[in-house]
Amino acid sequence: MIRYRDHPNFELHFNSPVVGVSQDASSVEITIGRNGSSERCSGRYLIGADGASSRVRRALGIEFEGFTWPDRLLVVSTPFDFHSVIPGLTAVNYVADPERWYFLLQIPGLWRVMFLVNEDASDECVQTREFAQSLMTGVVPGISNYPIDHITLYKVHQRVAKTFRQGRAFLIGDAAHINNPLGGMGMNSGIHDAMNLAARLTAVWHSKAPDTELDRFDKQRRLVTLEYVQNYTIQNKKNLESSGDEFRQSLQAITADPMRTREYLLRVSMIASLRRAEELG
């Protein structure tokens, strides 16, 4: 952001929500709200990268198809050193449990511990430190009263926009698709969206490809999202909600076969999804 602040080809505006979008054959115009009034901005193309509650998507009237899980996820961030009490711990760790699965994710200076919350309790109740501590005591037997930096509760959705392109407007990242976080596919697929669209827009902008090239972005990225991101993140959640025995046996069978191991790694790293996108034309 700092890099582009003084760049002549960029303008950064904050507290300026999109409230309307219109377009014709040669341009697209957005209406933004700022300081109690409305302003209009126009350009050749519009990219909505404004998150799950995308105002661009809503202004375009694009349906966000899918569903919301009945469960909630609670993320507890703590500076506690789990490496000191759990041998062999890695930066990303999943614990399957049919009653309450969780995972531990190490980030600079903190651990993020995410728990399934299926209690019939209010959002206010489950975001208290007392409730968070009650969940944390189940991570390492005998350890309680963890230092807690912050607590976040959120609902989990599996949704994909009905189209990623509408004329000169495009959707990428969470504005185009959202999923449960198990497997880390949400952010990575958003990066894939951006790279796919940027390359095609550049080619069309410089008259090196026809406008129909942009249809390939929608075709490739939306179908890959449905086939890979949605299916595998849903399966990841099911794996964690099980006893873990069947999933463990499956992984053991995969690791015993070099060819299956390679295929599995290509799939979970999302490299296979990029190849699938190319197959889609």
C-alpha atoms as a PDB file:
ATOM      1  CA  MET A   1       0.000   0.000   0.000  1.00  0.00           C
ATOM      2  CA  ILE A   2       2.824   2.381   0.880  1.00  0.00           C
ATOM      3  CA  ARG A   3       4.524   1.441  -2.374  1.00  0.00           C
ATOM      4  CA  TYR A   4       1.538   2.616  -4.447  1.00  0.00           C
ATOM      5  CA  ARG A   5       0.576   5.637  -2.363  1.00  0.00           C
ATOM      6  CA  ASP A   6       2.585   8.097  -4.463  1.00  0.00           C
ATOM      7  CA  HIS A   7       2.496   6.140  -7.726  1.00  0.00           C
ATOM      8  CA  PRO A   8       0.950   8.197 -10.585  1.00  0.00           C
ATOM      9  CA  ASN A   9      -1.148   5.244 -11.776  1.00  0.00           C
ATOM     10  CA  PHE A  10      -2.821   4.588  -8.417  1.00  0.00           C
ATOM     11  CA  GLU A  11      -5.250   6.389  -6.154  1.00  0.00           C
ATOM     12  CA  LEU A  12      -5.995   5.034  -2.692  1.00  0.00           C
ATOM     13  CA  HIS A  13      -9.266   5.948  -1.000  1.00  0.00           C
ATOM     14  CA  PHE A  14     -10.410   4.852   2.442  1.00  0.00           C
ATOM     15  CA  ASN A  15     -13.881   4.946   4.027  1.00  0.00           C
ATOM     16  CA  SER A  16     -15.376   5.001   0.527  1.00  0.00           C
ATOM     17  CA  PRO A  17     -17.832   2.095   0.175  1.00  0.00           C
ATOM     18  CA  VAL A  18     -19.191   1.214  -3.250  1.00  0.00           C
ATOM     19  CA  VAL A  19     -22.919   1.905  -3.378  1.00  0.00           C
ATOM     20  CA  GLY A  20     -23.588   1.447  -7.085  1.00  0.00           C
ATOM     21  CA  VAL A  21     -22.141   0.054 -10.307  1.00  0.00           C
ATOM     22  CA  SER A  22     -23.138   0.774 -13.901  1.00  0.00           C
ATOM     23  CA  GLN A  23     -21.442  -0.005 -17.189  1.00  0.00           C
ATOM     24  CA  ASP A  24     -21.701   0.253 -20.944  1.00  0.00           C
ATOM     25  CA  ALA A  25     -19.787  -1.233 -23.870  1.00  0.00           C
ATOM     26  CA  SER A  26     -16.603   0.757 -23.214  1.00  0.00           C
ATOM     27  CA  SER A  27     -16.448   1.632 -19.509  1.00  0.00           C
ATOM     28  CA  VAL A  28     -17.656   0.877 -15.998  1.00  0.00           C
ATOM     29  CA  GLU A  29     -18.630   3.455 -13.376  1.00  0.00           C
ATOM     30  CA  ILE A  30     -18.905   3.070  -9.618  1.00  0.00           C
ATOM     31  CA  THR A  31     -20.656   5.307  -7.148  1.00  0.00           C
ATOM     32  CA  ILE A  32     -18.951   5.557  -3.779  1.00  0.00           C
ATOM     33  CA  GLY A  33     -20.087   7.104  -0.543  1.00  0.00           C
ATOM     34  CA  ARG A  34     -17.662   9.513   1.091  1.00  0.00           C
ATOM     35  CA  ASN A  35     -18.131  12.078   3.855  1.00  0.00           C
ATOM     36  CA  GLY A  36     -21.908  11.893   3.577  1.00  0.00           C
ATOM     37  CA  SER A  37     -22.044  12.460  -0.166  1.00  0.00           C
ATOM     38  CA  SER A  38     -21.755  10.395  -3.343  1.00  0.00           C
ATOM     39  CA  GLU A  39     -18.935  10.486  -5.879  1.00  0.00           C
ATOM     40  CA  ARG A  40     -18.502   8.719  -9.193  1.00  0.00           C
ATOM     41  CA  CYS A  41     -15.393   7.098 -10.597  1.00  0.00           C
ATOM     42  CA  SER A  42     -15.033   5.427 -13.984  1.00  0.00           C
ATOM     43  CA  GLY A  43     -12.567   3.156 -15.715  1.00  0.00           C
ATOM     44  CA  ARG A  44     -12.289   0.457 -18.329  1.00  0.00           C
ATOM     45  CA  TYR A  45     -12.658  -2.417 -15.876  1.00  0.00           C
ATOM     46  CA  LEU A  46     -13.696  -3.040 -12.281  1.00  0.00           C
ATOM     47  CA  ILE A  47     -12.321  -5.769 -10.017  1.00  0.00           C
ATOM     48  CA  GLY A  48     -14.263  -6.515  -6.864  1.00  0.00           C
ATOM     49  CA  ALA A  49     -11.742  -7.820  -4.328  1.00  0.00           C
ATOM     50  CA  ASP A  50     -13.662  -6.504  -1.348  1.00  0.00           C
ATOM     51  CA  GLY A  51     -14.230  -9.613   0.721  1.00  0.00           C
ATOM     52  CA  ALA A  52     -17.061 -11.952   1.585  1.00  0.00           C
ATOM     53  CA  SER A  53     -19.548  -9.102   2.088  1.00  0.00           C
ATOM     54  CA  SER A  54     -18.504  -7.600  -1.260  1.00  0.00           C
ATOM     55  CA  ARG A  55     -20.403  -4.415  -2.033  1.00  0.00           C
ATOM     56  CA  VAL A  56     -19.323  -4.762  -5.659  1.00  0.00           C
ATOM     57  CA  ARG A  57     -20.920  -8.204  -5.910  1.00  0.00           C
ATOM     58  CA  ARG A  58     -24.108  -6.912  -4.307  1.00  0.00           C
ATOM     59  CA  ALA A  59     -24.219  -3.835  -6.532  1.00  0.00           C
ATOM     60  CA  LEU A  60     -23.907  -6.107  -9.559  1.00  0.00           C
ATOM     61  CA  GLY A  61     -26.739  -8.281  -8.259  1.00  0.00           C
ATOM     62  CA  ILE A  62     -24.684 -11.481  -8.510  1.00  0.00           C
ATOM     63  CA  GLU A  63     -26.066 -14.315  -6.401  1.00  0.00           C
ATOM     64  CA  PHE A  64     -23.740 -15.852  -3.784  1.00  0.00           C
ATOM     65  CA  GLU A  65     -24.770 -19.486  -4.058  1.00  0.00           C
ATOM     66  CA  GLY A  66     -24.113 -22.032  -1.324  1.00  0.00           C
ATOM     67  CA  PHE A  67     -24.787 -22.480   2.374  1.00  0.00           C
ATOM     68  CA  THR A  68     -23.701 -21.531   5.886  1.00  0.00           C
ATOM     69  CA  TRP A  69     -22.543 -24.178   8.346  1.00  0.00           C
ATOM     70  CA  PRO A  70     -24.587 -24.343  11.562  1.00  0.00           C
ATOM     71  CA  ASP A  71     -21.359 -24.487  13.591  1.00  0.00           C
ATOM     72  CA  ARG A  72     -19.246 -21.517  14.581  1.00  0.00           C
ATOM     73  CA  LEU A  73     -15.479 -21.287  14.825  1.00  0.00           C
ATOM     74  CA  LEU A  74     -13.683 -19.673  17.739  1.00  0.00           C
ATOM     75  CA  VAL A  75     -10.086 -18.542  17.269  1.00  0.00           C
ATOM     76  CA  VAL A  76      -7.992 -18.006  20.394  1.00  0.00           C
ATOM     77  CA  SER A  77      -4.623 -16.294  19.925  1.00  0.00           C
ATOM     78  CA  THR A  78      -1.987 -16.965  22.566  1.00  0.00           C
ATOM     79  CA  PRO A  79       1.785 -16.395  22.908  1.00  0.00           C
ATOM     80  CA  PHE A  80       2.072 -19.691  24.831  1.00  0.00           C
ATOM     81  CA  ASP A  81       4.973 -21.856  23.596  1.00  0.00           C
ATOM     82  CA  PHE A  82       3.313 -25.103  22.539  1.00  0.00           C
ATOM     83  CA  HIS A  83       6.616 -26.430  21.180  1.00  0.00           C
ATOM     84  CA  SER A  84       7.842 -26.716  24.773  1.00  0.00           C
ATOM     85  CA  VAL A  85       5.073 -29.138  25.755  1.00  0.00           C
ATOM     86  CA  ILE A  86       4.121 -30.982  22.531  1.00  0.00           C
ATOM     87  CA  PRO A  87       6.996 -32.957  20.944  1.00  0.00           C
ATOM     88  CA  GLY A  88       7.137 -32.988  17.157  1.00  0.00           C
ATOM     89  CA  LEU A  89       4.722 -30.099  16.752  1.00  0.00           C
ATOM     90  CA  THR A  90       4.718 -28.413  13.345  1.00  0.00           C
ATOM     91  CA  ALA A  91       3.524 -24.956  12.287  1.00  0.00           C
ATOM     92  CA  VAL A  92       0.121 -26.307  11.211  1.00  0.00           C
ATOM     93  CA  ASN A  93      -1.553 -29.074  13.225  1.00  0.00           C
ATOM     94  CA  TYR A  94      -5.036 -30.611  12.927  1.00  0.00           C
ATOM     95  CA  VAL A  95      -6.663 -32.649  15.704  1.00  0.00           C
ATOM     96  CA  ALA A  96      -9.618 -34.799  14.637  1.00  0.00           C
ATOM     97  CA  ASP A  97     -12.358 -35.351  17.197  1.00  0.00           C
ATOM     98  CA  PRO A  98     -16.051 -36.167  16.649  1.00  0.00           C
ATOM     99  CA  GLU A  99     -17.011 -34.002  19.648  1.00  0.00           C
ATOM    100  CA  ARG A 100     -14.757 -30.966  19.198  1.00  0.00           C
ATOM    101  CA  TRP A 101     -11.978 -30.837  16.623  1.00  0.00           C
ATOM    102  CA  TYR A 102      -9.428 -28.042  16.606  1.00  0.00           C
ATOM    103  CA  PHE A 103      -6.218 -26.966  14.962  1.00  0.00           C
ATOM    104  CA  LEU A 104      -3.120 -25.057  15.980  1.00  0.00           C
ATOM    105  CA  LEU A 105      -1.526 -22.595  13.596  1.00  0.00           C
ATOM    106  CA  GLN A 106       1.755 -20.864  14.385  1.00  0.00           C
ATOM    107  CA  ILE A 107       2.170 -17.272  13.229  1.00  0.00           C
ATOM    108  CA  PRO A 108       4.933 -14.800  14.172  1.00  0.00           C
ATOM    109  CA  GLY A 109       4.851 -14.392  17.953  1.00  0.00           C
ATOM    110  CA  LEU A 110       1.538 -16.205  18.453  1.00  0.00           C
ATOM    111  CA  TRP A 111      -0.351 -19.445  18.123  1.00  0.00           C
ATOM    112  CA  ARG A 112      -3.856 -19.356  16.710  1.00  0.00           C
ATOM    113  CA  VAL A 113      -5.987 -22.162  18.132  1.00  0.00           C
ATOM    114  CA  MET A 114      -9.253 -22.689  16.284  1.00  0.00           C
ATOM    115  CA  PHE A 115     -12.081 -24.641  17.882  1.00  0.00           C
ATOM    116  CA  LEU A 116     -15.406 -25.901  16.644  1.00  0.00           C
ATOM    117  CA  VAL A 117     -18.216 -24.332  18.674  1.00  0.00           C
ATOM    118  CA  ASN A 118     -21.521 -26.200  18.513  1.00  0.00           C
ATOM    119  CA  GLU A 119     -22.946 -25.228  21.907  1.00  0.00           C
ATOM    120  CA  ASP A 120     -26.356 -23.635  22.099  1.00  0.00           C
ATOM    121  CA  ALA A 121     -24.880 -20.473  23.584  1.00  0.00           C
ATOM    122  CA  SER A 122     -24.912 -16.825  22.553  1.00  0.00           C
ATOM    123  CA  ASP A 123     -22.071 -15.262  20.592  1.00  0.00           C
ATOM    124  CA  GLU A 124     -21.347 -13.037  23.586  1.00  0.00           C
ATOM    125  CA  CYS A 125     -20.990 -16.027  25.886  1.00  0.00           C
ATOM    126  CA  VAL A 126     -18.601 -18.031  23.732  1.00  0.00           C
ATOM    127  CA  GLN A 127     -16.340 -15.010  23.208  1.00  0.00           C
ATOM    128  CA  THR A 128     -15.614 -14.607  26.909  1.00  0.00           C
ATOM    129  CA  ARG A 129     -12.173 -15.460  28.262  1.00  0.00           C
ATOM    130  CA  GLU A 130     -13.745 -17.982  30.618  1.00  0.00           C
ATOM    131  CA  PHE A 131     -15.233 -19.939  27.716  1.00  0.00           C
ATOM    132  CA  ALA A 132     -12.007 -19.685  25.700  1.00  0.00           C
ATOM    133  CA  GLN A 133     -10.001 -20.983  28.661  1.00  0.00           C
ATOM    134  CA  SER A 134     -12.405 -23.913  29.048  1.00  0.00           C
ATOM    135  CA  LEU A 135     -11.598 -24.951  25.482  1.00  0.00           C
ATOM    136  CA  MET A 136      -7.871 -24.344  25.813  1.00  0.00           C
ATOM    137  CA  THR A 137      -7.610 -26.711  28.787  1.00  0.00           C
ATOM    138  CA  GLY A 138      -8.365 -29.570  26.398  1.00  0.00           C
ATOM    139  CA  VAL A 139      -5.309 -28.917  24.218  1.00  0.00           C
ATOM    140  CA  VAL A 140      -2.603 -30.064  26.655  1.00  0.00           C
ATOM    141  CA  PRO A 141      -3.700 -32.058  29.737  1.00  0.00           C
ATOM    142  CA  GLY A 142      -2.666 -30.371  32.960  1.00  0.00           C
ATOM    143  CA  ILE A 143      -2.185 -26.890  31.483  1.00  0.00           C
ATOM    144  CA  SER A 144      -4.755 -24.144  32.017  1.00  0.00           C
ATOM    145  CA  ASN A 145      -5.000 -20.375  32.396  1.00  0.00           C
ATOM    146  CA  TYR A 146      -3.297 -19.599  29.101  1.00  0.00           C
ATOM    147  CA  PRO A 147      -2.282 -16.033  28.247  1.00  0.00           C
ATOM    148  CA  ILE A 148      -4.790 -14.841  25.649  1.00  0.00           C
ATOM    149  CA  ASP A 149      -4.175 -11.919  23.325  1.00  0.00           C
ATOM    150  CA  HIS A 150      -7.514 -11.916  21.531  1.00  0.00           C
ATOM    151  CA  ILE A 151     -10.576 -14.002  20.705  1.00  0.00           C
ATOM    152  CA  THR A 152     -12.478 -14.062  17.420  1.00  0.00           C
ATOM    153  CA  LEU A 153     -15.747 -15.831  16.612  1.00  0.00           C
ATOM    154  CA  TYR A 154     -17.122 -16.252  13.137  1.00  0.00           C
ATOM    155  CA  LYS A 155     -19.573 -18.219  11.073  1.00  0.00           C
ATOM    156  CA  VAL A 156     -18.363 -20.453   8.280  1.00  0.00           C
ATOM    157  CA  HIS A 157     -19.758 -20.368   4.766  1.00  0.00           C
ATOM    158  CA  GLN A 158     -19.374 -22.409   1.588  1.00  0.00           C
ATOM    159  CA  ARG A 159     -20.462 -20.052  -1.175  1.00  0.00           C
ATOM    160  CA  VAL A 160     -19.500 -19.326  -4.782  1.00  0.00           C
ATOM    161  CA  ALA A 161     -20.685 -16.383  -6.879  1.00  0.00           C
ATOM    162  CA  LYS A 162     -22.954 -17.394  -9.732  1.00  0.00           C
ATOM    163  CA  THR A 163     -20.522 -15.726 -12.120  1.00  0.00           C
ATOM    164  CA  PHE A 164     -17.057 -14.214 -11.694  1.00  0.00           C
ATOM    165  CA  ARG A 165     -17.568 -11.868 -14.650  1.00  0.00           C
ATOM    166  CA  GLN A 166     -20.373  -9.503 -15.507  1.00  0.00           C
ATOM    167  CA  GLY A 167     -19.429  -7.379 -18.498  1.00  0.00           C
ATOM    168  CA  ARG A 168     -16.463  -5.249 -17.489  1.00  0.00           C
ATOM    169  CA  ALA A 169     -16.709  -6.160 -13.811  1.00  0.00           C
ATOM    170  CA  PHE A 170     -14.970  -9.110 -12.157  1.00  0.00           C
ATOM    171  CA  LEU A 171     -14.928 -10.779  -8.756  1.00  0.00           C
ATOM    172  CA  ILE A 172     -11.886 -12.389  -7.161  1.00  0.00           C
ATOM    173  CA  GLY A 173     -10.937 -13.845  -3.790  1.00  0.00           C
ATOM    174  CA  ASP A 174     -13.515 -13.855  -0.991  1.00  0.00           C
ATOM    175  CA  ALA A 175     -15.771 -11.611  -3.066  1.00  0.00           C
ATOM    176  CA  ALA A 176     -16.109 -14.526  -5.506  1.00  0.00           C
ATOM    177  CA  HIS A 177     -15.947 -17.535  -3.177  1.00  0.00           C
ATOM    178  CA  ILE A 178     -15.683 -18.369   0.513  1.00  0.00           C
ATOM    179  CA  ASN A 179     -15.119 -21.667   2.280  1.00  0.00           C
ATOM    180  CA  ASN A 180     -14.159 -23.103   5.631  1.00  0.00           C
ATOM    181  CA  PRO A 181     -10.467 -22.508   6.423  1.00  0.00           C
ATOM    182  CA  LEU A 182      -9.424 -26.149   6.752  1.00  0.00           C
ATOM    183  CA  GLY A 183      -6.622 -26.752   4.287  1.00  0.00           C
ATOM    184  CA  GLY A 184      -5.680 -23.116   3.686  1.00  0.00           C
ATOM    185  CA  MET A 185      -7.326 -23.020   0.274  1.00  0.00           C
ATOM    186  CA  GLY A 186      -9.237 -19.758   0.581  1.00  0.00           C
ATOM    187  CA  MET A 187      -6.362 -17.291   0.434  1.00  0.00           C
ATOM    188  CA  ASN A 188      -4.381 -19.398  -2.019  1.00  0.00           C
ATOM    189  CA  SER A 189      -7.271 -19.725  -4.444  1.00  0.00           C
ATOM    190  CA  GLY A 190      -7.776 -15.956  -4.215  1.00  0.00           C
ATOM    191  CA  ILE A 191      -4.160 -15.451  -5.258  1.00  0.00           C
ATOM    192  CA  HIS A 192      -4.752 -17.810  -8.172  1.00  0.00           C
ATOM    193  CA  ASP A 193      -7.792 -15.712  -9.160  1.00  0.00           C
ATOM    194  CA  ALA A 194      -5.728 -12.524  -9.163  1.00  0.00           C
ATOM    195  CA  MET A 195      -2.895 -13.988 -11.225  1.00  0.00           C
ATOM    196  CA  ASN A 196      -5.270 -15.533 -13.750  1.00  0.00           C
ATOM    197  CA  LEU A 197      -7.272 -12.338 -14.228  1.00  0.00           C
ATOM    198  CA  ALA A 198      -4.270  -9.976 -14.264  1.00  0.00           C
ATOM    199  CA  ALA A 199      -2.593 -11.898 -17.073  1.00  0.00           C
ATOM    200  CA  ARG A 200      -5.738 -11.887 -19.194  1.00  0.00           C
ATOM    201  CA  LEU A 201      -6.576  -8.232 -18.548  1.00  0.00           C
ATOM    202  CA  THR A 202      -3.031  -7.249 -19.501  1.00  0.00           C
ATOM    203  CA  ALA A 203      -3.284  -9.130 -22.792  1.00  0.00           C
ATOM    204  CA  VAL A 204      -6.676  -7.605 -23.655  1.00  0.00           C
ATOM    205  CA  TRP A 205      -5.622  -4.113 -22.528  1.00  0.00           C
ATOM    206  CA  HIS A 206      -2.636  -4.178 -24.903  1.00  0.00           C
ATOM    207  CA  SER A 207      -4.739  -5.636 -27.746  1.00  0.00           C
ATOM    208  CA  LYS A 208      -2.815  -8.911 -27.675  1.00  0.00           C
ATOM    209  CA  ALA A 209      -5.991 -10.918 -27.073  1.00  0.00           C
ATOM    210  CA  PRO A 210      -9.708 -10.432 -27.826  1.00  0.00           C
ATOM    211  CA  ASP A 211     -12.237  -9.553 -25.159  1.00  0.00           C
ATOM    212  CA  THR A 212     -13.460 -13.147 -25.180  1.00  0.00           C
ATOM    213  CA  GLU A 213     -10.179 -14.056 -23.457  1.00  0.00           C
ATOM    214  CA  LEU A 214     -11.708 -12.632 -20.278  1.00  0.00           C
ATOM    215  CA  ASP A 215     -14.493 -15.216 -20.386  1.00  0.00           C
ATOM    216  CA  ARG A 216     -11.830 -17.855 -19.767  1.00  0.00           C
ATOM    217  CA  PHE A 217     -11.188 -16.321 -16.340  1.00  0.00           C
ATOM    218  CA  ASP A 218     -14.773 -16.960 -15.291  1.00  0.00           C
ATOM    219  CA  LYS A 219     -14.860 -20.416 -16.866  1.00  0.00           C
ATOM    220  CA  GLN A 220     -11.595 -21.583 -15.350  1.00  0.00           C
ATOM    221  CA  ARG A 221     -11.636 -20.052 -11.898  1.00  0.00           C
ATOM    222  CA  ARG A 222     -15.297 -20.663 -11.083  1.00  0.00           C
ATOM    223  CA  LEU A 223     -15.287 -24.317 -12.115  1.00  0.00           C
ATOM    224  CA  VAL A 224     -11.987 -24.962 -10.344  1.00  0.00           C
ATOM    225  CA  THR A 225     -13.425 -23.359  -7.228  1.00  0.00           C
ATOM    226  CA  LEU A 226     -16.431 -25.674  -7.368  1.00  0.00           C
ATOM    227  CA  GLU A 227     -14.434 -28.794  -8.183  1.00  0.00           C
ATOM    228  CA  TYR A 228     -11.449 -28.308  -5.901  1.00  0.00           C
ATOM    229  CA  VAL A 229     -11.796 -25.631  -3.241  1.00  0.00           C
ATOM    230  CA  GLN A 230     -15.375 -26.336  -2.224  1.00  0.00           C
ATOM    231  CA  ASN A 231     -15.204 -30.121  -2.412  1.00  0.00           C
ATOM    232  CA  TYR A 232     -11.893 -30.518  -0.606  1.00  0.00           C
ATOM    233  CA  THR A 233     -12.563 -28.018   2.161  1.00  0.00           C
ATOM    234  CA  ILE A 234     -15.891 -29.720   2.873  1.00  0.00           C
ATOM    235  CA  GLN A 235     -14.119 -33.092   2.975  1.00  0.00           C
ATOM    236  CA  ASN A 236     -11.436 -31.663   5.263  1.00  0.00           C
ATOM    237  CA  LYS A 237     -14.133 -30.627   7.736  1.00  0.00           C
ATOM    238  CA  LYS A 238     -15.697 -34.090   7.609  1.00  0.00           C
ATOM    239  CA  ASN A 239     -12.284 -35.671   8.268  1.00  0.00           C
ATOM    240  CA  LEU A 240     -11.797 -33.591  11.406  1.00  0.00           C
ATOM    241  CA  GLU A 241     -15.301 -34.348  12.630  1.00  0.00           C
ATOM    242  CA  SER A 242     -14.556 -38.078  12.540  1.00  0.00           C
ATOM    243  CA  SER A 243     -12.562 -40.211  14.957  1.00  0.00           C
ATOM    244  CA  GLY A 244      -9.644 -39.808  12.560  1.00  0.00           C
ATOM    245  CA  ASP A 245      -9.121 -43.551  12.141  1.00  0.00           C
ATOM    246  CA  GLU A 246     -10.362 -43.792   8.561  1.00  0.00           C
ATOM    247  CA  PHE A 247      -8.518 -40.632   7.551  1.00  0.00           C
ATOM    248  CA  ARG A 248      -5.304 -41.906   9.173  1.00  0.00           C
ATOM    249  CA  GLN A 249      -5.591 -45.206   7.331  1.00  0.00           C
ATOM    250  CA  SER A 250      -6.141 -43.351   4.075  1.00  0.00           C
ATOM    251  CA  LEU A 251      -3.022 -41.228   4.612  1.00  0.00           C
ATOM    252  CA  GLN A 252      -0.993 -44.312   5.506  1.00  0.00           C
ATOM    253  CA  ALA A 253      -2.058 -45.962   2.257  1.00  0.00           C
ATOM    254  CA  ILE A 254      -1.143 -42.816   0.333  1.00  0.00           C
ATOM    255  CA  THR A 255       2.320 -42.542   1.896  1.00  0.00           C
ATOM    256  CA  ALA A 256       2.995 -46.200   1.066  1.00  0.00           C
ATOM    257  CA  ASP A 257       2.521 -45.507  -2.658  1.00  0.00           C
ATOM    258  CA  PRO A 258       4.912 -42.939  -4.233  1.00  0.00           C
ATOM    259  CA  MET A 259       2.539 -42.271  -7.137  1.00  0.00           C
ATOM    260  CA  ARG A 260      -0.432 -41.638  -4.827  1.00  0.00           C
ATOM    261  CA  THR A 261       1.765 -39.502  -2.586  1.00  0.00           C
ATOM    262  CA  ARG A 262       2.704 -37.299  -5.540  1.00  0.00           C
ATOM    263  CA  GLU A 263      -0.917 -36.991  -6.644  1.00  0.00           C
ATOM    264  CA  TYR A 264      -2.005 -36.127  -3.108  1.00  0.00           C
ATOM    265  CA  LEU A 265       0.646 -33.418  -2.710  1.00  0.00           C
ATOM    266  CA  LEU A 266      -0.238 -31.896  -6.071  1.00  0.00           C
ATOM    267  CA  ARG A 267      -3.875 -31.778  -5.009  1.00  0.00           C
ATOM    268  CA  VAL A 268      -3.498 -30.301  -1.508  1.00  0.00           C
ATOM    269  CA  SER A 269      -0.925 -27.766  -2.740  1.00  0.00           C
ATOM    270  CA  MET A 270      -3.484 -26.711  -5.387  1.00  0.00           C
ATOM    271  CA  ILE A 271      -1.000 -27.255  -8.211  1.00  0.00           C
ATOM    272  CA  ALA A 272      -3.388 -29.825  -9.663  1.00  0.00           C
ATOM    273  CA  SER A 273      -6.159 -27.222  -9.694  1.00  0.00           C
ATOM    274  CA  LEU A 274      -4.051 -24.958 -11.898  1.00  0.00           C
ATOM    275  CA  ARG A 275      -3.548 -27.779 -14.361  1.00  0.00           C
ATOM    276  CA  ARG A 276      -7.254 -28.515 -14.278  1.00  0.00           C
ATOM    277  CA  ALA A 277      -7.970 -24.867 -15.054  1.00  0.00           C
ATOM    278  CA  GLU A 278      -5.915 -25.110 -18.224  1.00  0.00           C
ATOM    279  CA  GLU A 279      -7.852 -28.223 -19.257  1.00  0.00           C
ATOM    280  CA  LEU A 280     -11.076 -26.229 -18.997  1.00  0.00           C
ATOM    281  CA  GLY A 281      -9.980 -23.995 -21.888  1.00  0.00           C
END
